[in-house]
């Protein structure tokens, strides 16, 4: 992999606007009519959300991430994707670099809903 150049600097205020939280992926289901999309049901402690992610072709078995904690952006506007309202974005590592993506996960279990930063 060729390492990409570092993006332009941004202020800490811009970073603080993102609400990044830990959630447990409780289920991973197909999205009807989608080649790449899967619908994740994610537990954030005080509520659940559907997060639609393009992971179907990234893994031999996308359901292997069920039960894992991962990082999600939870304050993006909801987006309709193939008829499912996606209420956030999952962080993964490597997709933008063309390598097999890996989840961004905490090093040990933490409470669902715990914030990054």
PDB file of N, CA and C in Angstrom:
ATOM      1  N   UNK A   1       0.833  -1.174   0.000  1.00  0.00           N
ATOM      2  CA  UNK A   1       0.000   0.000   0.000  1.00  0.00           C
ATOM      3  C   UNK A   1       0.879   1.238   0.000  1.00  0.00           C
ATOM      4  N   UNK A   2       0.499   2.182  -0.839  1.00  0.00           N
ATOM      5  CA  UNK A   2       1.179   3.474  -0.830  1.00  0.00           C
ATOM      6  C   UNK A   2       0.449   4.376   0.153  1.00  0.00           C
ATOM      7  N   UNK A   3       1.165   4.909   1.117  1.00  0.00           N
ATOM      8  CA  UNK A   3       0.555   5.762   2.139  1.00  0.00           C
ATOM      9  C   UNK A   3       0.132   7.084   1.511  1.00  0.00           C
ATOM     10  N   UNK A   4      -1.127   7.461   1.734  1.00  0.00           N
ATOM     11  CA  UNK A   4      -1.676   8.703   1.190  1.00  0.00           C
ATOM     12  C   UNK A   4      -1.099   9.898   1.937  1.00  0.00           C
ATOM     13  N   UNK A   5      -1.031  11.037   1.261  1.00  0.00           N
ATOM     14  CA  UNK A   5      -0.576  12.241   1.955  1.00  0.00           C
ATOM     15  C   UNK A   5      -1.557  12.627   3.062  1.00  0.00           C
ATOM     16  N   UNK A   6      -1.052  13.279   4.084  1.00  0.00           N
ATOM     17  CA  UNK A   6      -1.894  13.754   5.186  1.00  0.00           C
ATOM     18  C   UNK A   6      -2.750  14.905   4.676  1.00  0.00           C
ATOM     19  N   UNK A   7      -4.029  14.880   5.051  1.00  0.00           N
ATOM     20  CA  UNK A   7      -4.952  15.940   4.638  1.00  0.00           C
ATOM     21  C   UNK A   7      -4.565  17.256   5.290  1.00  0.00           C
ATOM     22  N   UNK A   8      -5.151  18.352   4.762  1.00  0.00           N
ATOM     23  CA  UNK A   8      -4.891  19.688   5.305  1.00  0.00           C
ATOM     24  C   UNK A   8      -5.289  19.749   6.777  1.00  0.00           C
ATOM     25  N   UNK A   9      -4.571  20.549   7.534  1.00  0.00           N
ATOM     26  CA  UNK A   9      -4.878  20.701   8.953  1.00  0.00           C
ATOM     27  C   UNK A   9      -6.279  21.265   9.141  1.00  0.00           C
ATOM     28  N   UNK A  10      -6.897  20.876  10.250  1.00  0.00           N
ATOM     29  CA  UNK A  10      -8.199  21.404  10.630  1.00  0.00           C
ATOM     30  C   UNK A  10      -8.144  21.780  12.098  1.00  0.00           C
ATOM     31  N   UNK A  11      -9.105  22.532  12.541  1.00  0.00           N
ATOM     32  CA  UNK A  11      -9.082  22.952  13.943  1.00  0.00           C
ATOM     33  C   UNK A  11      -9.717  21.891  14.830  1.00  0.00           C
ATOM     34  N   UNK A  12      -9.373  21.929  16.095  1.00  0.00           N
ATOM     35  CA  UNK A  12      -9.967  21.024  17.064  1.00  0.00           C
ATOM     36  C   UNK A  12     -11.469  21.257  17.164  1.00  0.00           C
ATOM     37  N   UNK A  13     -11.900  22.497  16.952  1.00  0.00           N
ATOM     38  CA  UNK A  13     -13.334  22.816  16.975  1.00  0.00           C
ATOM     39  C   UNK A  13     -14.092  22.025  15.920  1.00  0.00           C
ATOM     40  N   UNK A  14     -13.492  21.851  14.755  1.00  0.00           N
ATOM     41  CA  UNK A  14     -14.134  21.075  13.683  1.00  0.00           C
ATOM     42  C   UNK A  14     -14.236  19.612  14.108  1.00  0.00           C
ATOM     43  N   UNK A  15     -13.159  19.075  14.661  1.00  0.00           N
ATOM     44  CA  UNK A  15     -13.174  17.686  15.130  1.00  0.00           C
ATOM     45  C   UNK A  15     -14.237  17.484  16.207  1.00  0.00           C
ATOM     46  N   UNK A  16     -14.349  18.432  17.131  1.00  0.00           N
ATOM     47  CA  UNK A  16     -15.309  18.307  18.229  1.00  0.00           C
ATOM     48  C   UNK A  16     -16.763  18.291  17.769  1.00  0.00           C
ATOM     49  N   UNK A  17     -17.037  18.741  16.564  1.00  0.00           N
ATOM     50  CA  UNK A  17     -18.402  18.721  16.042  1.00  0.00           C
ATOM     51  C   UNK A  17     -18.864  17.309  15.710  1.00  0.00           C
ATOM     52  N   UNK A  18     -17.922  16.403  15.467  1.00  0.00           N
ATOM     53  CA  UNK A  18     -18.284  15.008  15.192  1.00  0.00           C
ATOM     54  C   UNK A  18     -18.613  14.303  16.506  1.00  0.00           C
ATOM     55  N   UNK A  19     -19.710  13.581  16.516  1.00  0.00           N
ATOM     56  CA  UNK A  19     -20.088  12.778  17.677  1.00  0.00           C
ATOM     57  C   UNK A  19     -19.798  11.326  17.325  1.00  0.00           C
ATOM     58  N   UNK A  20     -18.676  10.822  17.820  1.00  0.00           N
ATOM     59  CA  UNK A  20     -18.215   9.469  17.525  1.00  0.00           C
ATOM     60  C   UNK A  20     -18.407   8.641  18.783  1.00  0.00           C
ATOM     61  N   UNK A  21     -19.147   7.540  18.646  1.00  0.00           N
ATOM     62  CA  UNK A  21     -19.477   6.713  19.813  1.00  0.00           C
ATOM     63  C   UNK A  21     -19.237   5.242  19.541  1.00  0.00           C
ATOM     64  N   UNK A  22     -19.081   4.515  20.637  1.00  0.00           N
ATOM     65  CA  UNK A  22     -18.957   3.058  20.582  1.00  0.00           C
ATOM     66  C   UNK A  22     -20.352   2.455  20.584  1.00  0.00           C
ATOM     67  N   UNK A  23     -20.547   1.471  19.741  1.00  0.00           N
ATOM     68  CA  UNK A  23     -21.792   0.717  19.732  1.00  0.00           C
ATOM     69  C   UNK A  23     -21.500  -0.749  19.472  1.00  0.00           C
ATOM     70  N   UNK A  24     -22.375  -1.610  19.953  1.00  0.00           N
ATOM     71  CA  UNK A  24     -22.249  -3.048  19.695  1.00  0.00           C
ATOM     72  C   UNK A  24     -23.125  -3.414  18.505  1.00  0.00           C
ATOM     73  N   UNK A  25     -22.530  -4.077  17.531  1.00  0.00           N
ATOM     74  CA  UNK A  25     -23.253  -4.521  16.343  1.00  0.00           C
ATOM     75  C   UNK A  25     -24.036  -5.775  16.723  1.00  0.00           C
ATOM     76  N   UNK A  26     -25.357  -5.650  16.794  1.00  0.00           N
ATOM     77  CA  UNK A  26     -26.190  -6.771  17.228  1.00  0.00           C
ATOM     78  C   UNK A  26     -26.619  -7.664  16.075  1.00  0.00           C
ATOM     79  N   UNK A  27     -26.801  -7.082  14.882  1.00  0.00           N
ATOM     80  CA  UNK A  27     -27.152  -7.906  13.725  1.00  0.00           C
ATOM     81  C   UNK A  27     -26.645  -7.248  12.452  1.00  0.00           C
ATOM     82  N   UNK A  28     -26.409  -8.084  11.461  1.00  0.00           N
ATOM     83  CA  UNK A  28     -25.963  -7.643  10.137  1.00  0.00           C
ATOM     84  C   UNK A  28     -26.852  -8.357   9.128  1.00  0.00           C
ATOM     85  N   UNK A  29     -27.630  -7.587   8.369  1.00  0.00           N
ATOM     86  CA  UNK A  29     -28.597  -8.178   7.437  1.00  0.00           C
ATOM     87  C   UNK A  29     -28.427  -7.610   6.039  1.00  0.00           C
ATOM     88  N   UNK A  30     -28.787  -8.428   5.044  1.00  0.00           N
ATOM     89  CA  UNK A  30     -28.760  -7.987   3.652  1.00  0.00           C
ATOM     90  C   UNK A  30     -29.710  -6.816   3.444  1.00  0.00           C
ATOM     91  N   UNK A  31     -29.363  -5.966   2.505  1.00  0.00           N
ATOM     92  CA  UNK A  31     -30.249  -4.909   2.045  1.00  0.00           C
ATOM     93  C   UNK A  31     -30.756  -5.356   0.683  1.00  0.00           C
ATOM     94  N   UNK A  32     -32.048  -5.529   0.573  1.00  0.00           N
ATOM     95  CA  UNK A  32     -32.648  -6.037  -0.652  1.00  0.00           C
ATOM     96  C   UNK A  32     -32.288  -5.161  -1.840  1.00  0.00           C
ATOM     97  N   UNK A  33     -31.803  -5.807  -2.907  1.00  0.00           N
ATOM     98  CA  UNK A  33     -31.466  -5.104  -4.132  1.00  0.00           C
ATOM     99  C   UNK A  33     -30.118  -4.410  -4.125  1.00  0.00           C
ATOM    100  N   UNK A  34     -29.340  -4.582  -3.083  1.00  0.00           N
ATOM    101  CA  UNK A  34     -28.036  -3.918  -2.990  1.00  0.00           C
ATOM    102  C   UNK A  34     -26.901  -4.916  -3.182  1.00  0.00           C
ATOM    103  N   UNK A  35     -25.905  -4.529  -3.969  1.00  0.00           N
ATOM    104  CA  UNK A  35     -24.748  -5.387  -4.195  1.00  0.00           C
ATOM    105  C   UNK A  35     -23.725  -5.306  -3.070  1.00  0.00           C
ATOM    106  N   UNK A  36     -23.607  -4.140  -2.432  1.00  0.00           N
ATOM    107  CA  UNK A  36     -22.562  -3.930  -1.432  1.00  0.00           C
ATOM    108  C   UNK A  36     -23.093  -3.664  -0.030  1.00  0.00           C
ATOM    109  N   UNK A  37     -24.342  -3.225   0.082  1.00  0.00           N
ATOM    110  CA  UNK A  37     -24.845  -2.728   1.366  1.00  0.00           C
ATOM    111  C   UNK A  37     -25.358  -3.816   2.288  1.00  0.00           C
ATOM    112  N   UNK A  38     -25.088  -3.608   3.584  1.00  0.00           N
ATOM    113  CA  UNK A  38     -25.634  -4.434   4.660  1.00  0.00           C
ATOM    114  C   UNK A  38     -26.203  -3.474   5.699  1.00  0.00           C
ATOM    115  N   UNK A  39     -27.251  -3.901   6.394  1.00  0.00           N
ATOM    116  CA  UNK A  39     -27.849  -3.076   7.444  1.00  0.00           C
ATOM    117  C   UNK A  39     -27.416  -3.618   8.800  1.00  0.00           C
ATOM    118  N   UNK A  40     -26.733  -2.781   9.561  1.00  0.00           N
ATOM    119  CA  UNK A  40     -26.283  -3.155  10.905  1.00  0.00           C
ATOM    120  C   UNK A  40     -27.262  -2.575  11.921  1.00  0.00           C
ATOM    121  N   UNK A  41     -27.713  -3.398  12.850  1.00  0.00           N
ATOM    122  CA  UNK A  41     -28.495  -2.900  13.986  1.00  0.00           C
ATOM    123  C   UNK A  41     -27.481  -2.729  15.109  1.00  0.00           C
ATOM    124  N   UNK A  42     -27.340  -1.484  15.601  1.00  0.00           N
ATOM    125  CA  UNK A  42     -26.278  -1.156  16.544  1.00  0.00           C
ATOM    126  C   UNK A  42     -26.879  -0.646  17.849  1.00  0.00           C
ATOM    127  N   UNK A  43     -26.376  -1.185  18.955  1.00  0.00           N
ATOM    128  CA  UNK A  43     -26.812  -0.800  20.302  1.00  0.00           C
ATOM    129  C   UNK A  43     -25.866   0.279  20.818  1.00  0.00           C
ATOM    130  N   UNK A  44     -26.444   1.468  21.109  1.00  0.00           N
ATOM    131  CA  UNK A  44     -25.662   2.571  21.657  1.00  0.00           C
ATOM    132  C   UNK A  44     -25.968   2.799  23.140  1.00  0.00           C
ATOM    133  N   UNK A  45     -26.490   1.781  23.813  1.00  0.00           N
ATOM    134  CA  UNK A  45     -26.735   1.872  25.251  1.00  0.00           C
ATOM    135  C   UNK A  45     -28.116   2.385  25.577  1.00  0.00           C
ATOM    136  N   UNK A  46     -28.409   3.613  25.181  1.00  0.00           N
ATOM    137  CA  UNK A  46     -29.723   4.192  25.471  1.00  0.00           C
ATOM    138  C   UNK A  46     -30.679   4.091  24.282  1.00  0.00           C
ATOM    139  N   UNK A  47     -30.175   3.625  23.129  1.00  0.00           N
ATOM    140  CA  UNK A  47     -31.020   3.452  21.948  1.00  0.00           C
ATOM    141  C   UNK A  47     -30.298   2.573  20.928  1.00  0.00           C
ATOM    142  N   UNK A  48     -31.065   2.127  19.930  1.00  0.00           N
ATOM    143  CA  UNK A  48     -30.527   1.358  18.808  1.00  0.00           C
ATOM    144  C   UNK A  48     -30.661   2.183  17.539  1.00  0.00           C
ATOM    145  N   UNK A  49     -29.780   1.922  16.585  1.00  0.00           N
ATOM    146  CA  UNK A  49     -29.849   2.589  15.280  1.00  0.00           C
ATOM    147  C   UNK A  49     -29.559   1.590  14.178  1.00  0.00           C
ATOM    148  N   UNK A  50     -30.120   1.879  12.995  1.00  0.00           N
ATOM    149  CA  UNK A  50     -29.733   1.174  11.781  1.00  0.00           C
ATOM    150  C   UNK A  50     -28.606   1.960  11.136  1.00  0.00           C
ATOM    151  N   UNK A  51     -27.528   1.271  10.821  1.00  0.00           N
ATOM    152  CA  UNK A  51     -26.410   1.873  10.106  1.00  0.00           C
ATOM    153  C   UNK A  51     -26.216   1.033   8.839  1.00  0.00           C
ATOM    154  N   UNK A  52     -26.376   1.666   7.683  1.00  0.00           N
ATOM    155  CA  UNK A  52     -26.175   0.954   6.427  1.00  0.00           C
ATOM    156  C   UNK A  52     -24.721   1.172   6.004  1.00  0.00           C
ATOM    157  N   UNK A  53     -24.047   0.064   5.720  1.00  0.00           N
ATOM    158  CA  UNK A  53     -22.620   0.128   5.389  1.00  0.00           C
ATOM    159  C   UNK A  53     -22.324  -0.758   4.177  1.00  0.00           C
ATOM    160  N   UNK A  54     -21.396  -0.325   3.349  1.00  0.00           N
ATOM    161  CA  UNK A  54     -21.026  -1.065   2.143  1.00  0.00           C
ATOM    162  C   UNK A  54     -19.999  -2.139   2.412  1.00  0.00           C
ATOM    163  N   UNK A  55     -20.384  -3.148   3.198  1.00  0.00           N
ATOM    164  CA  UNK A  55     -19.408  -4.166   3.629  1.00  0.00           C
ATOM    165  C   UNK A  55     -19.650  -5.546   3.031  1.00  0.00           C
ATOM    166  N   UNK A  56     -20.674  -5.695   2.200  1.00  0.00           N
ATOM    167  CA  UNK A  56     -21.051  -7.034   1.718  1.00  0.00           C
ATOM    168  C   UNK A  56     -19.919  -7.733   0.982  1.00  0.00           C
ATOM    169  N   UNK A  57     -19.180  -7.000   0.160  1.00  0.00           N
ATOM    170  CA  UNK A  57     -18.115  -7.623  -0.638  1.00  0.00           C
ATOM    171  C   UNK A  57     -16.749  -7.520   0.028  1.00  0.00           C
ATOM    172  N   UNK A  58     -16.689  -6.874   1.184  1.00  0.00           N
ATOM    173  CA  UNK A  58     -15.406  -6.707   1.869  1.00  0.00           C
ATOM    174  C   UNK A  58     -15.021  -7.915   2.696  1.00  0.00           C
ATOM    175  N   UNK A  59     -15.993  -8.760   3.013  1.00  0.00           N
ATOM    176  CA  UNK A  59     -15.761  -9.897   3.905  1.00  0.00           C
ATOM    177  C   UNK A  59     -16.417 -11.137   3.333  1.00  0.00           C
ATOM    178  N   UNK A  60     -15.798 -12.293   3.541  1.00  0.00           N
ATOM    179  CA  UNK A  60     -16.410 -13.552   3.106  1.00  0.00           C
ATOM    180  C   UNK A  60     -17.733 -13.766   3.831  1.00  0.00           C
ATOM    181  N   UNK A  61     -17.791 -13.372   5.101  1.00  0.00           N
ATOM    182  CA  UNK A  61     -19.002 -13.508   5.906  1.00  0.00           C
ATOM    183  C   UNK A  61     -19.222 -12.210   6.686  1.00  0.00           C
ATOM    184  N   UNK A  62     -20.016 -11.273   6.150  1.00  0.00           N
ATOM    185  CA  UNK A  62     -20.242 -10.008   6.851  1.00  0.00           C
ATOM    186  C   UNK A  62     -20.833 -10.179   8.251  1.00  0.00           C
ATOM    187  N   UNK A  63     -21.522 -11.289   8.500  1.00  0.00           N
ATOM    188  CA  UNK A  63     -22.118 -11.510   9.821  1.00  0.00           C
ATOM    189  C   UNK A  63     -21.057 -11.765  10.898  1.00  0.00           C
ATOM    190  N   UNK A  64     -19.794 -11.957  10.494  1.00  0.00           N
ATOM    191  CA  UNK A  64     -18.734 -12.218  11.469  1.00  0.00           C
ATOM    192  C   UNK A  64     -18.507 -11.046  12.424  1.00  0.00           C
ATOM    193  N   UNK A  65     -19.030  -9.855  12.077  1.00  0.00           N
ATOM    194  CA  UNK A  65     -18.827  -8.700  12.963  1.00  0.00           C
ATOM    195  C   UNK A  65     -19.948  -8.562  13.993  1.00  0.00           C
ATOM    196  N   UNK A  66     -20.963  -9.420  13.918  1.00  0.00           N
ATOM    197  CA  UNK A  66     -22.025  -9.386  14.923  1.00  0.00           C
ATOM    198  C   UNK A  66     -21.426  -9.628  16.303  1.00  0.00           C
ATOM    199  N   UNK A  67     -21.857  -8.842  17.273  1.00  0.00           N
ATOM    200  CA  UNK A  67     -21.360  -8.969  18.642  1.00  0.00           C
ATOM    201  C   UNK A  67     -20.139  -8.122  18.939  1.00  0.00           C
ATOM    202  N   UNK A  68     -19.535  -7.516  17.908  1.00  0.00           N
ATOM    203  CA  UNK A  68     -18.345  -6.694  18.128  1.00  0.00           C
ATOM    204  C   UNK A  68     -18.731  -5.249  18.412  1.00  0.00           C
ATOM    205  N   UNK A  69     -17.909  -4.596  19.198  1.00  0.00           N
ATOM    206  CA  UNK A  69     -18.046  -3.154  19.384  1.00  0.00           C
ATOM    207  C   UNK A  69     -17.218  -2.464  18.301  1.00  0.00           C
ATOM    208  N   UNK A  70     -17.698  -1.309  17.859  1.00  0.00           N
ATOM    209  CA  UNK A  70     -16.990  -0.534  16.848  1.00  0.00           C
ATOM    210  C   UNK A  70     -17.314   0.939  17.049  1.00  0.00           C
ATOM    211  N   UNK A  71     -16.628   1.784  16.272  1.00  0.00           N
ATOM    212  CA  UNK A  71     -16.843   3.233  16.339  1.00  0.00           C
ATOM    213  C   UNK A  71     -17.783   3.678  15.215  1.00  0.00           C
ATOM    214  N   UNK A  72     -18.682   4.619  15.560  1.00  0.00           N
ATOM    215  CA  UNK A  72     -19.671   5.132  14.618  1.00  0.00           C
ATOM    216  C   UNK A  72     -19.809   6.638  14.780  1.00  0.00           C
ATOM    217  N   UNK A  73     -19.992   7.343  13.667  1.00  0.00           N
ATOM    218  CA  UNK A  73     -20.373   8.753  13.711  1.00  0.00           C
ATOM    219  C   UNK A  73     -21.892   8.759  13.818  1.00  0.00           C
ATOM    220  N   UNK A  74     -22.417   9.416  14.863  1.00  0.00           N
ATOM    221  CA  UNK A  74     -23.860   9.355  15.113  1.00  0.00           C
ATOM    222  C   UNK A  74     -24.582  10.679  14.888  1.00  0.00           C
ATOM    223  N   UNK A  75     -23.875  11.727  14.491  1.00  0.00           N
ATOM    224  CA  UNK A  75     -24.570  12.995  14.288  1.00  0.00           C
ATOM    225  C   UNK A  75     -24.552  13.477  12.836  1.00  0.00           C
ATOM    226  N   UNK A  76     -24.438  12.545  11.903  1.00  0.00           N
ATOM    227  CA  UNK A  76     -24.622  12.881  10.492  1.00  0.00           C
ATOM    228  C   UNK A  76     -26.121  12.867  10.198  1.00  0.00           C
ATOM    229  N   UNK A  77     -26.577  13.639   9.214  1.00  0.00           N
ATOM    230  CA  UNK A  77     -27.999  13.583   8.874  1.00  0.00           C
ATOM    231  C   UNK A  77     -28.378  12.166   8.418  1.00  0.00           C
ATOM    232  N   UNK A  78     -29.553  11.675   8.811  1.00  0.00           N
ATOM    233  CA  UNK A  78     -29.998  10.362   8.327  1.00  0.00           C
ATOM    234  C   UNK A  78     -30.053  10.361   6.800  1.00  0.00           C
ATOM    235  N   UNK A  79     -29.773   9.197   6.221  1.00  0.00           N
ATOM    236  CA  UNK A  79     -29.726   9.087   4.764  1.00  0.00           C
ATOM    237  C   UNK A  79     -30.455   7.827   4.330  1.00  0.00           C
ATOM    238  N   UNK A  80     -31.353   7.974   3.370  1.00  0.00           N
ATOM    239  CA  UNK A  80     -32.087   6.828   2.847  1.00  0.00           C
ATOM    240  C   UNK A  80     -31.208   6.089   1.852  1.00  0.00           C
ATOM    241  N   UNK A  81     -30.952   4.821   2.131  1.00  0.00           N
ATOM    242  CA  UNK A  81     -30.114   4.004   1.255  1.00  0.00           C
ATOM    243  C   UNK A  81     -30.881   2.728   0.922  1.00  0.00           C
ATOM    244  N   UNK A  82     -31.317   2.629  -0.333  1.00  0.00           N
ATOM    245  CA  UNK A  82     -32.083   1.465  -0.805  1.00  0.00           C
ATOM    246  C   UNK A  82     -33.310   1.215   0.069  1.00  0.00           C
ATOM    247  N   UNK A  83     -33.967   2.287   0.473  1.00  0.00           N
ATOM    248  CA  UNK A  83     -35.201   2.154   1.239  1.00  0.00           C
ATOM    249  C   UNK A  83     -35.020   1.993   2.739  1.00  0.00           C
ATOM    250  N   UNK A  84     -33.780   2.039   3.218  1.00  0.00           N
ATOM    251  CA  UNK A  84     -33.504   1.931   4.656  1.00  0.00           C
ATOM    252  C   UNK A  84     -32.883   3.240   5.119  1.00  0.00           C
ATOM    253  N   UNK A  85     -33.386   3.766   6.214  1.00  0.00           N
ATOM    254  CA  UNK A  85     -32.834   4.999   6.765  1.00  0.00           C
ATOM    255  C   UNK A  85     -31.574   4.663   7.564  1.00  0.00           C
ATOM    256  N   UNK A  86     -30.425   5.137   7.083  1.00  0.00           N
ATOM    257  CA  UNK A  86     -29.163   4.930   7.778  1.00  0.00           C
ATOM    258  C   UNK A  86     -28.953   6.102   8.721  1.00  0.00           C
ATOM    259  N   UNK A  87     -28.724   5.791  10.003  1.00  0.00           N
ATOM    260  CA  UNK A  87     -28.658   6.808  11.051  1.00  0.00           C
ATOM    261  C   UNK A  87     -27.246   7.004  11.585  1.00  0.00           C
ATOM    262  N   UNK A  88     -26.269   6.951  10.711  1.00  0.00           N
ATOM    263  CA  UNK A  88     -24.891   7.148  11.123  1.00  0.00           C
ATOM    264  C   UNK A  88     -23.935   6.513  10.139  1.00  0.00           C
ATOM    265  N   UNK A  89     -22.667   6.497  10.509  1.00  0.00           N
ATOM    266  CA  UNK A  89     -21.635   5.920   9.653  1.00  0.00           C
ATOM    267  C   UNK A  89     -20.656   5.114  10.504  1.00  0.00           C
ATOM    268  N   UNK A  90     -20.340   3.921  10.031  1.00  0.00           N
ATOM    269  CA  UNK A  90     -19.368   3.075  10.717  1.00  0.00           C
ATOM    270  C   UNK A  90     -17.958   3.486  10.283  1.00  0.00           C
ATOM    271  N   UNK A  91     -17.045   3.558  11.250  1.00  0.00           N
ATOM    272  CA  UNK A  91     -15.640   3.772  10.938  1.00  0.00           C
ATOM    273  C   UNK A  91     -15.015   2.437  10.577  1.00  0.00           C
ATOM    274  N   UNK A  92     -14.265   2.423   9.497  1.00  0.00           N
ATOM    275  CA  UNK A  92     -13.398   1.281   9.258  1.00  0.00           C
ATOM    276  C   UNK A  92     -12.065   1.803   8.756  1.00  0.00           C
ATOM    277  N   UNK A  93     -11.103   0.938   8.752  1.00  0.00           N
ATOM    278  CA  UNK A  93      -9.732   1.313   8.409  1.00  0.00           C
ATOM    279  C   UNK A  93      -9.349   0.593   7.124  1.00  0.00           C
ATOM    280  N   UNK A  94      -8.834   1.328   6.142  1.00  0.00           N
ATOM    281  CA  UNK A  94      -8.270   0.702   4.969  1.00  0.00           C
ATOM    282  C   UNK A  94      -9.041   0.857   3.676  1.00  0.00           C
ATOM    283  N   UNK A  95     -10.359   1.060   3.737  1.00  0.00           N
ATOM    284  CA  UNK A  95     -11.152   1.130   2.507  1.00  0.00           C
ATOM    285  C   UNK A  95     -10.598   2.184   1.552  1.00  0.00           C
ATOM    286  N   UNK A  96     -10.350   3.388   2.062  1.00  0.00           N
ATOM    287  CA  UNK A  96      -9.862   4.484   1.212  1.00  0.00           C
ATOM    288  C   UNK A  96      -8.494   4.176   0.609  1.00  0.00           C
ATOM    289  N   UNK A  97      -7.771   3.237   1.195  1.00  0.00           N
ATOM    290  CA  UNK A  97      -6.435   2.878   0.708  1.00  0.00           C
ATOM    291  C   UNK A  97      -6.447   1.634  -0.165  1.00  0.00           C
ATOM    292  N   UNK A  98      -7.639   1.092  -0.412  1.00  0.00           N
ATOM    293  CA  UNK A  98      -7.739  -0.068  -1.287  1.00  0.00           C
ATOM    294  C   UNK A  98      -7.289  -1.372  -0.650  1.00  0.00           C
ATOM    295  N   UNK A  99      -7.260  -1.413   0.676  1.00  0.00           N
ATOM    296  CA  UNK A  99      -6.911  -2.677   1.346  1.00  0.00           C
ATOM    297  C   UNK A  99      -8.160  -3.214   2.047  1.00  0.00           C
ATOM    298  N   UNK A 100      -8.130  -4.484   2.404  1.00  0.00           N
ATOM    299  CA  UNK A 100      -9.275  -5.091   3.090  1.00  0.00           C
ATOM    300  C   UNK A 100      -9.572  -4.309   4.361  1.00  0.00           C
ATOM    301  N   UNK A 101     -10.774  -3.722   4.450  1.00  0.00           N
ATOM    302  CA  UNK A 101     -11.102  -2.906   5.618  1.00  0.00           C
ATOM    303  C   UNK A 101     -11.162  -3.711   6.916  1.00  0.00           C
ATOM    304  N   UNK A 102     -10.839  -3.020   8.002  1.00  0.00           N
ATOM    305  CA  UNK A 102     -10.922  -3.577   9.352  1.00  0.00           C
ATOM    306  C   UNK A 102     -11.726  -2.586  10.189  1.00  0.00           C
ATOM    307  N   UNK A 103     -12.486  -3.093  11.135  1.00  0.00           N
ATOM    308  CA  UNK A 103     -13.257  -2.220  12.017  1.00  0.00           C
ATOM    309  C   UNK A 103     -12.343  -1.428  12.939  1.00  0.00           C
ATOM    310  N   UNK A 104     -12.771  -0.232  13.289  1.00  0.00           N
ATOM    311  CA  UNK A 104     -12.121   0.550  14.347  1.00  0.00           C
ATOM    312  C   UNK A 104     -12.806   0.132  15.636  1.00  0.00           C
ATOM    313  N   UNK A 105     -12.071  -0.562  16.496  1.00  0.00           N
ATOM    314  CA  UNK A 105     -12.685  -1.131  17.697  1.00  0.00           C
ATOM    315  C   UNK A 105     -11.929  -0.713  18.959  1.00  0.00           C
ATOM    316  N   UNK A 106     -12.634  -0.649  20.104  1.00  0.00           N
ATOM    317  CA  UNK A 106     -11.926  -0.366  21.358  1.00  0.00           C
ATOM    318  C   UNK A 106     -11.026  -1.544  21.740  1.00  0.00           C
ATOM    319  N   UNK A 107      -9.956  -1.256  22.468  1.00  0.00           N
ATOM    320  CA  UNK A 107      -9.007  -2.306  22.860  1.00  0.00           C
ATOM    321  C   UNK A 107      -9.574  -3.244  23.913  1.00  0.00           C
ATOM    322  N   UNK A 108     -10.598  -2.790  24.625  1.00  0.00           N
ATOM    323  CA  UNK A 108     -11.282  -3.629  25.618  1.00  0.00           C
ATOM    324  C   UNK A 108     -12.744  -3.204  25.627  1.00  0.00           C
ATOM    325  N   UNK A 109     -13.648  -4.037  26.138  1.00  0.00           N
ATOM    326  CA  UNK A 109     -15.064  -3.643  26.161  1.00  0.00           C
ATOM    327  C   UNK A 109     -15.264  -2.365  26.962  1.00  0.00           C
ATOM    328  N   UNK A 110     -16.072  -1.480  26.410  1.00  0.00           N
ATOM    329  CA  UNK A 110     -16.461  -0.235  27.080  1.00  0.00           C
ATOM    330  C   UNK A 110     -17.973  -0.116  26.988  1.00  0.00           C
ATOM    331  N   UNK A 111     -18.596   0.721  27.797  1.00  0.00           N
ATOM    332  CA  UNK A 111     -20.061   0.858  27.716  1.00  0.00           C
ATOM    333  C   UNK A 111     -20.490   1.373  26.337  1.00  0.00           C
ATOM    334  N   UNK A 112     -21.564   0.790  25.814  1.00  0.00           N
ATOM    335  CA  UNK A 112     -22.144   1.298  24.575  1.00  0.00           C
ATOM    336  C   UNK A 112     -22.534   2.756  24.781  1.00  0.00           C
ATOM    337  N   UNK A 113     -22.237   3.563  23.780  1.00  0.00           N
ATOM    338  CA  UNK A 113     -22.532   4.988  23.859  1.00  0.00           C
ATOM    339  C   UNK A 113     -21.352   5.825  24.315  1.00  0.00           C
ATOM    340  N   UNK A 114     -20.264   5.163  24.759  1.00  0.00           N
ATOM    341  CA  UNK A 114     -19.063   5.910  25.169  1.00  0.00           C
ATOM    342  C   UNK A 114     -18.561   6.741  23.994  1.00  0.00           C
ATOM    343  N   UNK A 115     -18.161   7.979  24.267  1.00  0.00           N
ATOM    344  CA  UNK A 115     -17.736   8.917  23.243  1.00  0.00           C
ATOM    345  C   UNK A 115     -16.232   8.888  23.005  1.00  0.00           C
ATOM    346  N   UNK A 116     -15.852   9.220  21.786  1.00  0.00           N
ATOM    347  CA  UNK A 116     -14.446   9.374  21.406  1.00  0.00           C
ATOM    348  C   UNK A 116     -14.048  10.818  21.678  1.00  0.00           C
ATOM    349  N   UNK A 117     -12.816  11.001  22.127  1.00  0.00           N
ATOM    350  CA  UNK A 117     -12.317  12.362  22.268  1.00  0.00           C
ATOM    351  C   UNK A 117     -11.951  12.729  23.666  1.00  0.00           C
TER     352      UNK A 117
END
